[in-house]
């Protein structure tokens, strides 16, 4: 298999429905993996996925001003992500969702919790330090502590967060600022699908996209 490198593609012909192999770059999955494309297409019709995927597509449509898009050719967004999450829960007809958050974003998680509950949802929440485990208790050396090696320093506990929300039988879970790596572990062990409201970026105030545009970050490579 030729690995796809869609991030380097300049033409994005797939957005235009172009499937002519002569026009597509050598790494294009539309060109190289026709059989796989058909296999994947069939999966969207499975009983497990069809409603979930259709609700996702309808949510995408409703996030834009339909009149502006169809009559004026303008793309005008209507909702922030927090409301998209609430509306998606309504579409899949669930009332119980999970919130897995970092202790450093407790205020943001509390605000998100209030908004989601305001939409009639039951929110089950788990903070990263739940379980009150010292970092050394989970096999980390003392020198991995950020502050004093001798004092208690709570370990992030994404496996516990996942297990708590698994036991609560949430329909899907929302991430609020888990560390890189810890978010992956939570996602891996969460039985319910996972979406992200906030990603942690300590330097940019949790706005990582700014590093892709700011001249102050041009030397990051």
Foldseek 3Di string as FASTA:
>chain_A
DQAADVVPDDPPCVVVVDQPLVPDDPRDCSNVPVVVVVVVVVVCPDPVHVQLVVLVVVLVVVQFDPCCCPPVVDTHGDDAVLVSVLVSCVSVPAQEEEEEEEPVCPVVSVVSCVVSVVSVHHYHYDYQQPPQDFPVNVPDQLVVDPPHSVDGDGDGDLLVRQVVVVVVVHQEYEYYADAVVSVVVNCVSHPHHYDYDFHDDPVPRRPVVVLVPDPVNPPVD
